[in-house]
Protein backbone atom coordinates (compact mmCIF):
# COMPACT_ATOMS: atom_id res chain seq x y z
CA MET A 1 4.70 17.67 3.43
CA ALA A 2 6.97 15.29 4.61
CA THR A 3 5.82 11.93 5.13
CA THR A 4 7.34 9.35 7.36
CA PHE A 5 6.86 5.51 6.34
CA ASP A 6 7.92 3.97 9.32
CA ARG A 7 5.86 0.83 8.25
CA ILE A 8 6.98 0.36 4.76
CA THR A 9 9.75 -1.47 4.48
CA ARG A 10 12.13 -2.87 1.89
CA ASP A 11 14.61 -5.58 2.20
CA PRO A 12 15.91 -7.84 -0.83
CA LYS A 13 15.35 -10.94 0.95
CA VAL A 14 11.50 -10.28 1.39
CA MET A 15 9.56 -10.24 -1.65
CA ASN A 16 12.65 -9.22 -4.06
CA GLY A 17 12.86 -5.78 -2.11
CA GLN A 18 9.33 -4.73 -3.26
CA PRO A 19 7.56 -2.20 -0.69
CA CYS A 20 5.99 -4.26 2.15
CA VAL A 21 4.04 -3.65 5.46
CA ARG A 22 5.96 -3.71 8.46
CA GLY A 23 8.64 -6.57 7.57
CA MET A 24 5.98 -9.01 6.19
CA ARG A 25 5.34 -10.77 3.22
CA LEU A 26 2.64 -8.25 2.59
CA THR A 27 3.43 -6.03 -0.40
CA VAL A 28 2.01 -2.44 -0.77
CA ARG A 29 0.32 -3.78 -4.03
CA ARG A 30 -1.23 -6.30 -2.31
CA VAL A 31 -2.72 -3.86 0.40
CA LEU A 32 -4.05 -1.70 -2.45
CA GLU A 33 -5.39 -4.58 -4.21
CA ALA A 34 -7.14 -5.74 -0.96
CA MET A 35 -8.39 -2.06 -0.41
CA SER A 36 -9.99 -1.78 -3.44
CA SER A 37 -11.54 -5.23 -3.34
CA TYR A 38 -12.98 -5.15 0.15
CA SER A 39 -15.65 -2.09 0.41
CA ASN A 40 -16.04 -2.68 4.08
CA ARG A 41 -13.04 -2.51 6.00
CA ASP A 42 -14.14 -5.12 8.50
CA GLU A 43 -14.39 -7.59 6.13
CA LEU A 44 -10.71 -6.49 4.81
CA PHE A 45 -9.45 -7.05 8.63
CA ALA A 46 -11.20 -10.41 9.05
CA GLU A 47 -9.06 -11.45 5.62
CA PHE A 48 -6.00 -9.86 6.67
CA PRO A 49 -5.86 -9.38 10.69
CA GLU A 50 -2.36 -8.84 10.40
CA LEU A 51 -3.36 -5.17 9.00
CA GLU A 52 -3.83 -2.22 11.24
CA ASN A 53 -5.45 0.99 10.09
CA GLU A 54 -2.16 2.75 10.14
CA ASP A 55 -0.65 0.27 7.88
CA LEU A 56 -3.42 1.05 5.20
CA ARG A 57 -2.91 4.64 5.44
CA GLN A 58 0.78 4.39 4.88
CA ALA A 59 0.39 2.13 2.39
CA LEU A 60 -1.85 4.68 0.46
CA ALA A 61 0.42 7.46 1.24
CA PHE A 62 3.18 5.58 0.05
CA ALA A 63 1.58 4.72 -3.44
CA ALA A 64 0.31 8.40 -3.89
CA ALA A 65 4.16 9.57 -2.81
CA SER A 66 5.59 7.19 -5.40
CA LEU A 67 3.67 8.64 -8.36
CA ASP A 68 4.81 11.38 -10.55
CA ASP A 69 3.03 14.67 -10.43
CA LYS A 70 3.35 14.96 -14.30
CA THR A 71 -0.27 15.89 -16.29
CA VAL A 72 -0.93 13.00 -18.47
CA GLU A 73 -3.49 13.37 -21.13
CA VAL A 74 -6.30 10.93 -21.21
CA GLN A 75 -8.24 9.69 -24.83
CA ASN A 76 -11.91 9.43 -23.99
CA ALA A 77 -13.15 6.23 -25.29
């Protein structure tokens, strides 16, 4: 399943080339951190009014696509 990330941009002049949302100084990593911090999307959008639902969807999809699909053994604590 091919995914187009038309809202995820990389520019060496913006945030040292880290993947960002729509060329803003808002990295995919920061968007993911915000999504994990705000359980309520309305609160998230109040804090980050420049974000749109499609930005969140693409940030999640981009992160998932960036992960390796290898199986990693996790030891129980």
